[in-house]
Amino acid sequence: MLDRFTNIGIIFNESHSESGDIACEIIDRFGIEYDCWKLNENELTKNSDCINKADLFVAIGGDGTILRVAHESSKNAIPILGINTGRVGFMSELEANNVLDRVEWYFSGKARREYRFMLEAHVDGCYPMYALNDVTLARGKTLRVIEIFTEIDGVHLATYRCDGVVVSSATGSTGYALSLGGPVLDPKSDNMLLKPIATHMSQFGGAILTHDSTVTLRLAARSEATLNVDGFVDMDMVNSDHVKIKISDRKVIFLRRKSPQEFWGDLSKRLQLRKGTE
């Protein structure tokens, strides 16, 4: 058994009233035994003193809330306990109902730690950007297709005429890439998934790449696009700008009670894959 947690930061989505209520209820019940404090997710980057003291984050909201918490927690390898008040909640551990009767088991240090690999994106003249889900280069304000010159480890793979290209981690394979018809990767995998968006005159469905690969996406001349990292970091890209993407040394840690194999059963239930067979 791991040591119990002592300083617990509760980060909630203020647009979900239920999330704020659960945050207050956790503090009311466990605030004496544990040093608990709360912030809404928009305050995360403004409270470094609190963030640096935490040894556990409780993220209450949807997957978007967990992504924002993950970007902070990965800097110091702080675990996350996700409580879902959103829709699908692929990354969450607990649902909102009866959560007060279940969270102390995790606070006591009994849960296993699941490590998820992040992506690292490099654009010339910028600090590295990190993604738990995906990095996407896609057309910006114009409605016409763009051309993206795509390399893997320095070898030209394709020049896509498309709406964009997504590079996803294993965690992100259940996100945008899945909606594009991509496969789901085992969440423990350190592979990457490359998936074009609405390619013109191409049947190539993408590629699964090993952990030591580097993907380069270069925008063709006279094109405009937006580089998006995990759905909430945007950067304008123009005229042959490029981004290099690889698996990062950073990881995100989630607290889990179930065995790793149960991921596939949970995935099946969330996507209703067993409908009609039970």
C-alpha atoms as a PDB file:
ATOM      1  CA  MET A   1       0.000   0.000   0.000  1.00  0.00           C
ATOM      2  CA  LEU A   2       1.205   3.483  -0.832  1.00  0.00           C
ATOM      3  CA  ASP A   3       1.408   6.283   1.734  1.00  0.00           C
ATOM      4  CA  ARG A   4      -1.830   8.161   2.235  1.00  0.00           C
ATOM      5  CA  PHE A   5      -2.194  11.533   0.577  1.00  0.00           C
ATOM      6  CA  THR A   6      -2.059  14.631   2.752  1.00  0.00           C
ATOM      7  CA  ASN A   7      -2.556  17.727   0.565  1.00  0.00           C
ATOM      8  CA  ILE A   8      -5.460  17.297  -1.865  1.00  0.00           C
ATOM      9  CA  GLY A   9      -6.282  19.888  -4.491  1.00  0.00           C
ATOM     10  CA  ILE A  10      -9.845  19.687  -5.808  1.00  0.00           C
ATOM     11  CA  ILE A  11     -10.215  21.215  -9.265  1.00  0.00           C
ATOM     12  CA  PHE A  12     -13.745  21.577 -10.600  1.00  0.00           C
ATOM     13  CA  ASN A  13     -15.556  22.780 -13.711  1.00  0.00           C
ATOM     14  CA  GLU A  14     -17.532  25.808 -12.610  1.00  0.00           C
ATOM     15  CA  SER A  15     -19.873  25.512 -15.606  1.00  0.00           C
ATOM     16  CA  HIS A  16     -21.209  22.269 -14.050  1.00  0.00           C
ATOM     17  CA  SER A  17     -23.026  23.244 -10.855  1.00  0.00           C
ATOM     18  CA  GLU A  18     -22.800  19.647  -9.682  1.00  0.00           C
ATOM     19  CA  SER A  19     -18.988  19.800  -9.862  1.00  0.00           C
ATOM     20  CA  GLY A  20     -18.776  22.725  -7.454  1.00  0.00           C
ATOM     21  CA  ASP A  21     -21.236  21.052  -5.086  1.00  0.00           C
ATOM     22  CA  ILE A  22     -19.183  17.839  -4.997  1.00  0.00           C
ATOM     23  CA  ALA A  23     -15.991  19.828  -4.329  1.00  0.00           C
ATOM     24  CA  CYS A  24     -17.617  21.501  -1.316  1.00  0.00           C
ATOM     25  CA  GLU A  25     -19.035  18.211  -0.036  1.00  0.00           C
ATOM     26  CA  ILE A  26     -15.625  16.503  -0.194  1.00  0.00           C
ATOM     27  CA  ILE A  27     -14.038  19.334   1.801  1.00  0.00           C
ATOM     28  CA  ASP A  28     -16.883  19.322   4.335  1.00  0.00           C
ATOM     29  CA  ARG A  29     -16.518  15.590   4.966  1.00  0.00           C
ATOM     30  CA  PHE A  30     -12.745  15.106   4.710  1.00  0.00           C
ATOM     31  CA  GLY A  31     -11.307  18.564   5.353  1.00  0.00           C
ATOM     32  CA  ILE A  32     -10.340  17.809   8.943  1.00  0.00           C
ATOM     33  CA  GLU A  33      -8.500  14.553   8.279  1.00  0.00           C
ATOM     34  CA  TYR A  34      -6.926  15.765   5.007  1.00  0.00           C
ATOM     35  CA  ASP A  35      -5.638  19.164   3.951  1.00  0.00           C
ATOM     36  CA  CYS A  36      -8.141  19.857   1.155  1.00  0.00           C
ATOM     37  CA  TRP A  37      -8.595  22.985  -0.947  1.00  0.00           C
ATOM     38  CA  LYS A  38     -10.478  23.805  -4.144  1.00  0.00           C
ATOM     39  CA  LEU A  39     -10.078  25.867  -7.320  1.00  0.00           C
ATOM     40  CA  ASN A  40     -12.137  26.130 -10.451  1.00  0.00           C
ATOM     41  CA  GLU A  41     -10.200  24.955 -13.498  1.00  0.00           C
ATOM     42  CA  ASN A  42      -9.753  28.503 -14.844  1.00  0.00           C
ATOM     43  CA  GLU A  43      -7.732  29.405 -11.733  1.00  0.00           C
ATOM     44  CA  LEU A  44      -5.199  26.595 -12.165  1.00  0.00           C
ATOM     45  CA  THR A  45      -2.395  28.607 -13.724  1.00  0.00           C
ATOM     46  CA  LYS A  46      -2.849  31.524 -11.296  1.00  0.00           C
ATOM     47  CA  ASN A  47      -2.253  29.597  -8.063  1.00  0.00           C
ATOM     48  CA  SER A  48       1.185  28.029  -8.307  1.00  0.00           C
ATOM     49  CA  ASP A  49       1.680  28.045  -4.519  1.00  0.00           C
ATOM     50  CA  CYS A  50      -1.313  25.749  -4.007  1.00  0.00           C
ATOM     51  CA  ILE A  51      -0.486  23.607  -7.025  1.00  0.00           C
ATOM     52  CA  ASN A  52       3.087  22.998  -5.884  1.00  0.00           C
ATOM     53  CA  LYS A  53       1.999  21.798  -2.428  1.00  0.00           C
ATOM     54  CA  ALA A  54      -0.498  19.186  -3.630  1.00  0.00           C
ATOM     55  CA  ASP A  55       0.277  15.473  -3.629  1.00  0.00           C
ATOM     56  CA  LEU A  56      -3.075  14.556  -5.224  1.00  0.00           C
ATOM     57  CA  PHE A  57      -5.474  16.323  -7.573  1.00  0.00           C
ATOM     58  CA  VAL A  58      -9.167  15.499  -7.695  1.00  0.00           C
ATOM     59  CA  ALA A  59     -10.531  16.651 -11.072  1.00  0.00           C
ATOM     60  CA  ILE A  60     -14.321  17.061 -11.123  1.00  0.00           C
ATOM     61  CA  GLY A  61     -15.903  17.635 -14.518  1.00  0.00           C
ATOM     62  CA  GLY A  62     -15.566  16.098 -17.953  1.00  0.00           C
ATOM     63  CA  ASP A  63     -12.502  15.012 -19.887  1.00  0.00           C
ATOM     64  CA  GLY A  64     -11.739  18.673 -20.678  1.00  0.00           C
ATOM     65  CA  THR A  65     -11.300  19.408 -16.983  1.00  0.00           C
ATOM     66  CA  ILE A  66      -9.029  16.388 -16.580  1.00  0.00           C
ATOM     67  CA  LEU A  67      -6.914  17.539 -19.539  1.00  0.00           C
ATOM     68  CA  ARG A  68      -6.348  20.943 -17.937  1.00  0.00           C
ATOM     69  CA  VAL A  69      -5.422  19.355 -14.625  1.00  0.00           C
ATOM     70  CA  ALA A  70      -3.151  16.875 -16.408  1.00  0.00           C
ATOM     71  CA  HIS A  71      -1.078  19.669 -17.927  1.00  0.00           C
ATOM     72  CA  GLU A  72      -0.310  20.957 -14.422  1.00  0.00           C
ATOM     73  CA  SER A  73       0.001  17.612 -12.643  1.00  0.00           C
ATOM     74  CA  SER A  74       2.468  16.210 -15.198  1.00  0.00           C
ATOM     75  CA  LYS A  75       5.038  18.882 -14.322  1.00  0.00           C
ATOM     76  CA  ASN A  76       5.588  17.311 -10.895  1.00  0.00           C
ATOM     77  CA  ALA A  77       4.178  13.793 -11.419  1.00  0.00           C
ATOM     78  CA  ILE A  78       1.159  14.385  -9.150  1.00  0.00           C
ATOM     79  CA  PRO A  79      -1.604  11.739  -9.472  1.00  0.00           C
ATOM     80  CA  ILE A  80      -5.152  12.578 -10.564  1.00  0.00           C
ATOM     81  CA  LEU A  81      -8.438  11.114  -9.372  1.00  0.00           C
ATOM     82  CA  GLY A  82     -11.075  11.930 -11.999  1.00  0.00           C
ATOM     83  CA  ILE A  83     -14.759  12.316 -11.100  1.00  0.00           C
ATOM     84  CA  ASN A  84     -17.048  12.537 -14.111  1.00  0.00           C
ATOM     85  CA  THR A  85     -19.852  15.096 -14.250  1.00  0.00           C
ATOM     86  CA  GLY A  86     -19.601  15.438 -18.036  1.00  0.00           C
ATOM     87  CA  ARG A  87     -20.731  13.106 -20.777  1.00  0.00           C
ATOM     88  CA  VAL A  88     -18.619  10.072 -21.721  1.00  0.00           C
ATOM     89  CA  GLY A  89     -15.718  10.596 -19.317  1.00  0.00           C
ATOM     90  CA  PHE A  90     -13.151   8.186 -20.782  1.00  0.00           C
ATOM     91  CA  MET A  91     -10.411   9.347 -18.386  1.00  0.00           C
ATOM     92  CA  SER A  92     -12.518   9.507 -15.219  1.00  0.00           C
ATOM     93  CA  GLU A  93     -12.338   6.922 -12.471  1.00  0.00           C
ATOM     94  CA  LEU A  94     -15.598   7.670 -10.641  1.00  0.00           C
ATOM     95  CA  GLU A  95     -19.081   8.825 -11.564  1.00  0.00           C
ATOM     96  CA  ALA A  96     -20.731  11.595  -9.573  1.00  0.00           C
ATOM     97  CA  ASN A  97     -23.305   9.398  -7.822  1.00  0.00           C
ATOM     98  CA  ASN A  98     -22.269   8.092  -4.385  1.00  0.00           C
ATOM     99  CA  VAL A  99     -18.803   9.572  -4.821  1.00  0.00           C
ATOM    100  CA  LEU A 100     -18.486  10.654  -1.167  1.00  0.00           C
ATOM    101  CA  ASP A 101     -18.642   7.027  -0.041  1.00  0.00           C
ATOM    102  CA  ARG A 102     -15.819   6.043  -2.383  1.00  0.00           C
ATOM    103  CA  VAL A 103     -13.154   8.749  -2.498  1.00  0.00           C
ATOM    104  CA  GLU A 104     -11.531   8.053   0.881  1.00  0.00           C
ATOM    105  CA  TRP A 105     -10.304   4.654  -0.360  1.00  0.00           C
ATOM    106  CA  TYR A 106      -8.240   6.577  -2.927  1.00  0.00           C
ATOM    107  CA  PHE A 107      -7.140   9.234  -0.418  1.00  0.00           C
ATOM    108  CA  SER A 108      -5.774   6.478   1.841  1.00  0.00           C
ATOM    109  CA  GLY A 109      -3.209   5.455  -0.808  1.00  0.00           C
ATOM    110  CA  LYS A 110      -4.607   2.032  -1.726  1.00  0.00           C
ATOM    111  CA  ALA A 111      -5.147   2.658  -5.439  1.00  0.00           C
ATOM    112  CA  ARG A 112      -2.778   1.535  -8.165  1.00  0.00           C
ATOM    113  CA  ARG A 113      -1.125   4.213 -10.310  1.00  0.00           C
ATOM    114  CA  GLU A 114      -1.699   4.138 -14.054  1.00  0.00           C
ATOM    115  CA  TYR A 115       0.858   5.999 -16.171  1.00  0.00           C
ATOM    116  CA  ARG A 116      -0.244   7.607 -19.437  1.00  0.00           C
ATOM    117  CA  PHE A 117       2.229   8.859 -22.034  1.00  0.00           C
ATOM    118  CA  MET A 118       2.062  12.433 -23.308  1.00  0.00           C
ATOM    119  CA  LEU A 119       3.002  13.965 -26.656  1.00  0.00           C
ATOM    120  CA  GLU A 120       5.581  16.721 -26.993  1.00  0.00           C
ATOM    121  CA  ALA A 121       5.244  19.251 -29.821  1.00  0.00           C
ATOM    122  CA  HIS A 122       7.984  21.601 -30.997  1.00  0.00           C
ATOM    123  CA  VAL A 123       7.490  24.699 -33.156  1.00  0.00           C
ATOM    124  CA  ASP A 124      10.523  26.856 -34.025  1.00  0.00           C
ATOM    125  CA  GLY A 125      10.888  29.777 -31.628  1.00  0.00           C
ATOM    126  CA  CYS A 126       8.406  28.411 -29.076  1.00  0.00           C
ATOM    127  CA  TYR A 127       8.586  26.493 -25.827  1.00  0.00           C
ATOM    128  CA  PRO A 128       7.687  22.787 -26.052  1.00  0.00           C
ATOM    129  CA  MET A 129       3.969  22.077 -25.819  1.00  0.00           C
ATOM    130  CA  TYR A 130       2.593  18.941 -24.186  1.00  0.00           C
ATOM    131  CA  ALA A 131      -0.574  16.985 -24.932  1.00  0.00           C
ATOM    132  CA  LEU A 132      -2.232  14.094 -23.161  1.00  0.00           C
ATOM    133  CA  ASN A 133      -4.755  13.597 -25.980  1.00  0.00           C
ATOM    134  CA  ASP A 134      -3.629  14.957 -29.329  1.00  0.00           C
ATOM    135  CA  VAL A 135      -1.947  17.586 -31.454  1.00  0.00           C
ATOM    136  CA  THR A 136      -3.897  18.700 -34.525  1.00  0.00           C
ATOM    137  CA  LEU A 137      -2.877  20.812 -37.505  1.00  0.00           C
ATOM    138  CA  ALA A 138      -6.091  21.807 -39.280  1.00  0.00           C
ATOM    139  CA  ARG A 139      -7.454  24.437 -41.635  1.00  0.00           C
ATOM    140  CA  GLY A 140      -8.142  27.771 -40.014  1.00  0.00           C
ATOM    141  CA  LYS A 141     -10.699  30.390 -41.039  1.00  0.00           C
ATOM    142  CA  THR A 142     -10.876  29.443 -44.724  1.00  0.00           C
ATOM    143  CA  LEU A 143     -13.084  26.602 -45.958  1.00  0.00           C
ATOM    144  CA  ARG A 144     -10.696  25.291 -48.600  1.00  0.00           C
ATOM    145  CA  VAL A 145      -8.521  22.225 -48.081  1.00  0.00           C
ATOM    146  CA  ILE A 146      -4.913  22.657 -47.008  1.00  0.00           C
ATOM    147  CA  GLU A 147      -1.770  20.742 -47.945  1.00  0.00           C
ATOM    148  CA  ILE A 148       0.287  19.157 -45.174  1.00  0.00           C
ATOM    149  CA  PHE A 149       3.668  17.623 -45.955  1.00  0.00           C
ATOM    150  CA  THR A 150       4.006  14.712 -43.519  1.00  0.00           C
ATOM    151  CA  GLU A 151       7.264  13.019 -42.518  1.00  0.00           C
ATOM    152  CA  ILE A 152       8.001  10.135 -40.179  1.00  0.00           C
ATOM    153  CA  ASP A 153      11.570  10.054 -38.888  1.00  0.00           C
ATOM    154  CA  GLY A 154      12.657  12.272 -41.763  1.00  0.00           C
ATOM    155  CA  VAL A 155      11.043  10.102 -44.446  1.00  0.00           C
ATOM    156  CA  HIS A 156       8.286  11.642 -46.564  1.00  0.00           C
ATOM    157  CA  LEU A 157       5.082   9.686 -45.935  1.00  0.00           C
ATOM    158  CA  ALA A 158       2.478  11.788 -47.744  1.00  0.00           C
ATOM    159  CA  THR A 159       1.420  15.245 -48.783  1.00  0.00           C
ATOM    160  CA  TYR A 160      -2.167  15.335 -47.614  1.00  0.00           C
ATOM    161  CA  ARG A 161      -4.763  17.562 -49.278  1.00  0.00           C
ATOM    162  CA  CYS A 162      -7.154  17.563 -46.361  1.00  0.00           C
ATOM    163  CA  ASP A 163      -8.887  19.439 -43.566  1.00  0.00           C
ATOM    164  CA  GLY A 164      -6.025  18.544 -41.229  1.00  0.00           C
ATOM    165  CA  VAL A 165      -3.932  15.859 -39.553  1.00  0.00           C
ATOM    166  CA  VAL A 166      -4.260  14.544 -35.994  1.00  0.00           C
ATOM    167  CA  VAL A 167      -1.390  12.999 -34.041  1.00  0.00           C
ATOM    168  CA  SER A 168      -2.791  11.225 -31.013  1.00  0.00           C
ATOM    169  CA  SER A 169      -1.414   9.489 -27.941  1.00  0.00           C
ATOM    170  CA  ALA A 170      -2.901   6.207 -26.754  1.00  0.00           C
ATOM    171  CA  THR A 171      -5.098   8.182 -24.373  1.00  0.00           C
ATOM    172  CA  GLY A 172      -6.250  10.449 -27.205  1.00  0.00           C
ATOM    173  CA  SER A 173      -7.188   7.485 -29.379  1.00  0.00           C
ATOM    174  CA  THR A 174     -10.595   7.522 -27.635  1.00  0.00           C
ATOM    175  CA  GLY A 175     -11.062  11.210 -28.482  1.00  0.00           C
ATOM    176  CA  TYR A 176     -10.987  13.100 -31.781  1.00  0.00           C
ATOM    177  CA  ALA A 177      -9.099  10.302 -33.544  1.00  0.00           C
ATOM    178  CA  LEU A 178     -11.859   7.834 -32.663  1.00  0.00           C
ATOM    179  CA  SER A 179     -14.494  10.106 -34.214  1.00  0.00           C
ATOM    180  CA  LEU A 180     -12.423  10.015 -37.420  1.00  0.00           C
ATOM    181  CA  GLY A 181     -12.649   6.229 -37.531  1.00  0.00           C
ATOM    182  CA  GLY A 182      -9.275   5.545 -35.926  1.00  0.00           C
ATOM    183  CA  PRO A 183      -8.496   2.510 -33.741  1.00  0.00           C
ATOM    184  CA  VAL A 184      -8.396   2.545 -29.946  1.00  0.00           C
ATOM    185  CA  LEU A 185      -4.920   1.926 -28.500  1.00  0.00           C
ATOM    186  CA  ASP A 186      -4.290   0.276 -25.162  1.00  0.00           C
ATOM    187  CA  PRO A 187      -4.044   3.185 -22.685  1.00  0.00           C
ATOM    188  CA  LYS A 188      -0.706   1.868 -21.376  1.00  0.00           C
ATOM    189  CA  SER A 189       0.782   1.978 -24.869  1.00  0.00           C
ATOM    190  CA  ASP A 190       3.578   4.406 -25.691  1.00  0.00           C
ATOM    191  CA  ASN A 191       2.660   4.409 -29.398  1.00  0.00           C
ATOM    192  CA  MET A 192       1.300   7.326 -31.411  1.00  0.00           C
ATOM    193  CA  LEU A 193      -1.543   7.393 -33.917  1.00  0.00           C
ATOM    194  CA  LEU A 194      -1.395   9.551 -37.048  1.00  0.00           C
ATOM    195  CA  LYS A 195      -4.800  10.189 -38.641  1.00  0.00           C
ATOM    196  CA  PRO A 196      -5.640  12.552 -41.548  1.00  0.00           C
ATOM    197  CA  ILE A 197      -8.919  14.494 -41.501  1.00  0.00           C
ATOM    198  CA  ALA A 198     -11.143  14.343 -44.597  1.00  0.00           C
ATOM    199  CA  THR A 199      -8.348  13.650 -47.062  1.00  0.00           C
ATOM    200  CA  HIS A 200      -8.998  14.454 -50.724  1.00  0.00           C
ATOM    201  CA  MET A 201      -8.444  11.554 -53.176  1.00  0.00           C
ATOM    202  CA  SER A 202      -6.702   9.344 -50.602  1.00  0.00           C
ATOM    203  CA  GLN A 203      -7.694   6.024 -49.052  1.00  0.00           C
ATOM    204  CA  PHE A 204      -4.766   5.930 -46.626  1.00  0.00           C
ATOM    205  CA  GLY A 205      -6.312   5.637 -43.187  1.00  0.00           C
ATOM    206  CA  GLY A 206      -3.347   6.642 -41.045  1.00  0.00           C
ATOM    207  CA  ALA A 207      -0.570   4.891 -39.150  1.00  0.00           C
ATOM    208  CA  ILE A 208       0.354   3.616 -35.687  1.00  0.00           C
ATOM    209  CA  LEU A 209       3.889   4.672 -34.800  1.00  0.00           C
ATOM    210  CA  THR A 210       6.358   3.422 -32.199  1.00  0.00           C
ATOM    211  CA  HIS A 211       7.424   5.460 -29.184  1.00  0.00           C
ATOM    212  CA  ASP A 212      10.750   6.498 -30.707  1.00  0.00           C
ATOM    213  CA  SER A 213       9.219   7.978 -33.867  1.00  0.00           C
ATOM    214  CA  THR A 214       9.056  11.687 -34.690  1.00  0.00           C
ATOM    215  CA  VAL A 215       6.284  13.094 -36.877  1.00  0.00           C
ATOM    216  CA  THR A 216       6.836  16.342 -38.771  1.00  0.00           C
ATOM    217  CA  LEU A 217       3.811  18.196 -40.144  1.00  0.00           C
ATOM    218  CA  ARG A 218       4.756  21.019 -42.513  1.00  0.00           C
ATOM    219  CA  LEU A 219       2.205  23.412 -43.928  1.00  0.00           C
ATOM    220  CA  ALA A 220       2.465  23.984 -47.681  1.00  0.00           C
ATOM    221  CA  ALA A 221       3.273  27.486 -48.949  1.00  0.00           C
ATOM    222  CA  ARG A 222       0.361  29.943 -49.172  1.00  0.00           C
ATOM    223  CA  SER A 223      -1.670  27.925 -46.667  1.00  0.00           C
ATOM    224  CA  GLU A 224      -3.099  28.985 -43.320  1.00  0.00           C
ATOM    225  CA  ALA A 225      -3.938  26.629 -40.482  1.00  0.00           C
ATOM    226  CA  THR A 226      -4.294  26.328 -36.709  1.00  0.00           C
ATOM    227  CA  LEU A 227      -2.179  24.131 -34.479  1.00  0.00           C
ATOM    228  CA  ASN A 228      -4.299  22.862 -31.595  1.00  0.00           C
ATOM    229  CA  VAL A 229      -2.958  21.103 -28.499  1.00  0.00           C
ATOM    230  CA  ASP A 230      -5.429  19.112 -26.397  1.00  0.00           C
ATOM    231  CA  GLY A 231      -8.363  21.217 -27.539  1.00  0.00           C
ATOM    232  CA  PHE A 232      -7.521  24.402 -25.640  1.00  0.00           C
ATOM    233  CA  VAL A 233      -4.117  25.656 -26.821  1.00  0.00           C
ATOM    234  CA  ASP A 234      -4.187  27.273 -30.301  1.00  0.00           C
ATOM    235  CA  MET A 235      -1.422  28.676 -32.508  1.00  0.00           C
ATOM    236  CA  ASP A 236      -1.711  30.174 -35.997  1.00  0.00           C
ATOM    237  CA  MET A 237       0.467  28.480 -38.629  1.00  0.00           C
ATOM    238  CA  VAL A 238       1.253  29.941 -42.068  1.00  0.00           C
ATOM    239  CA  ASN A 239       3.539  29.577 -45.105  1.00  0.00           C
ATOM    240  CA  SER A 240       5.642  26.454 -44.546  1.00  0.00           C
ATOM    241  CA  ASP A 241       5.518  26.554 -40.727  1.00  0.00           C
ATOM    242  CA  HIS A 242       6.034  23.119 -39.219  1.00  0.00           C
ATOM    243  CA  VAL A 243       5.635  21.192 -35.981  1.00  0.00           C
ATOM    244  CA  LYS A 244       7.577  18.152 -34.764  1.00  0.00           C
ATOM    245  CA  ILE A 245       5.739  15.710 -32.512  1.00  0.00           C
ATOM    246  CA  LYS A 246       7.094  12.835 -30.439  1.00  0.00           C
ATOM    247  CA  ILE A 247       6.354  10.898 -27.265  1.00  0.00           C
ATOM    248  CA  SER A 248       7.399  12.954 -24.241  1.00  0.00           C
ATOM    249  CA  ASP A 249       9.246  11.924 -21.116  1.00  0.00           C
ATOM    250  CA  ARG A 250       6.356  13.472 -19.184  1.00  0.00           C
ATOM    251  CA  LYS A 251       3.562  11.213 -18.028  1.00  0.00           C
ATOM    252  CA  VAL A 252       0.176  11.705 -16.425  1.00  0.00           C
ATOM    253  CA  ILE A 253      -0.662   9.504 -13.440  1.00  0.00           C
ATOM    254  CA  PHE A 254      -4.218   8.362 -12.725  1.00  0.00           C
ATOM    255  CA  LEU A 255      -5.461   6.548  -9.630  1.00  0.00           C
ATOM    256  CA  ARG A 256      -7.294   3.313 -10.467  1.00  0.00           C
ATOM    257  CA  ARG A 257      -9.103   0.622  -8.519  1.00  0.00           C
ATOM    258  CA  LYS A 258      -9.892  -1.806 -11.335  1.00  0.00           C
ATOM    259  CA  SER A 259      -7.331  -3.973 -13.094  1.00  0.00           C
ATOM    260  CA  PRO A 260      -5.859  -2.618 -16.365  1.00  0.00           C
ATOM    261  CA  GLN A 261      -7.775  -5.250 -18.368  1.00  0.00           C
ATOM    262  CA  GLU A 262     -11.108  -3.746 -17.285  1.00  0.00           C
ATOM    263  CA  PHE A 263     -10.441  -0.758 -19.566  1.00  0.00           C
ATOM    264  CA  TRP A 264     -11.854  -2.728 -22.502  1.00  0.00           C
ATOM    265  CA  GLY A 265     -15.056  -3.627 -20.709  1.00  0.00           C
ATOM    266  CA  ASP A 266     -15.576  -0.029 -19.638  1.00  0.00           C
ATOM    267  CA  LEU A 267     -14.857   1.166 -23.184  1.00  0.00           C
ATOM    268  CA  SER A 268     -17.418  -1.260 -24.566  1.00  0.00           C
ATOM    269  CA  LYS A 269     -20.067   0.017 -22.145  1.00  0.00           C
ATOM    270  CA  ARG A 270     -19.330   3.694 -22.823  1.00  0.00           C
ATOM    271  CA  LEU A 271     -19.528   3.194 -26.601  1.00  0.00           C
ATOM    272  CA  GLN A 272     -22.457   0.768 -26.292  1.00  0.00           C
ATOM    273  CA  LEU A 273     -20.579  -1.830 -28.339  1.00  0.00           C
ATOM    274  CA  ARG A 274     -22.418  -4.710 -26.662  1.00  0.00           C
ATOM    275  CA  LYS A 275     -25.859  -3.353 -27.474  1.00  0.00           C
ATOM    276  CA  GLY A 276     -28.118  -6.125 -28.700  1.00  0.00           C
ATOM    277  CA  THR A 277     -25.895  -8.942 -27.436  1.00  0.00           C
ATOM    278  CA  GLU A 278     -26.800  -8.934 -23.750  1.00  0.00           C
END
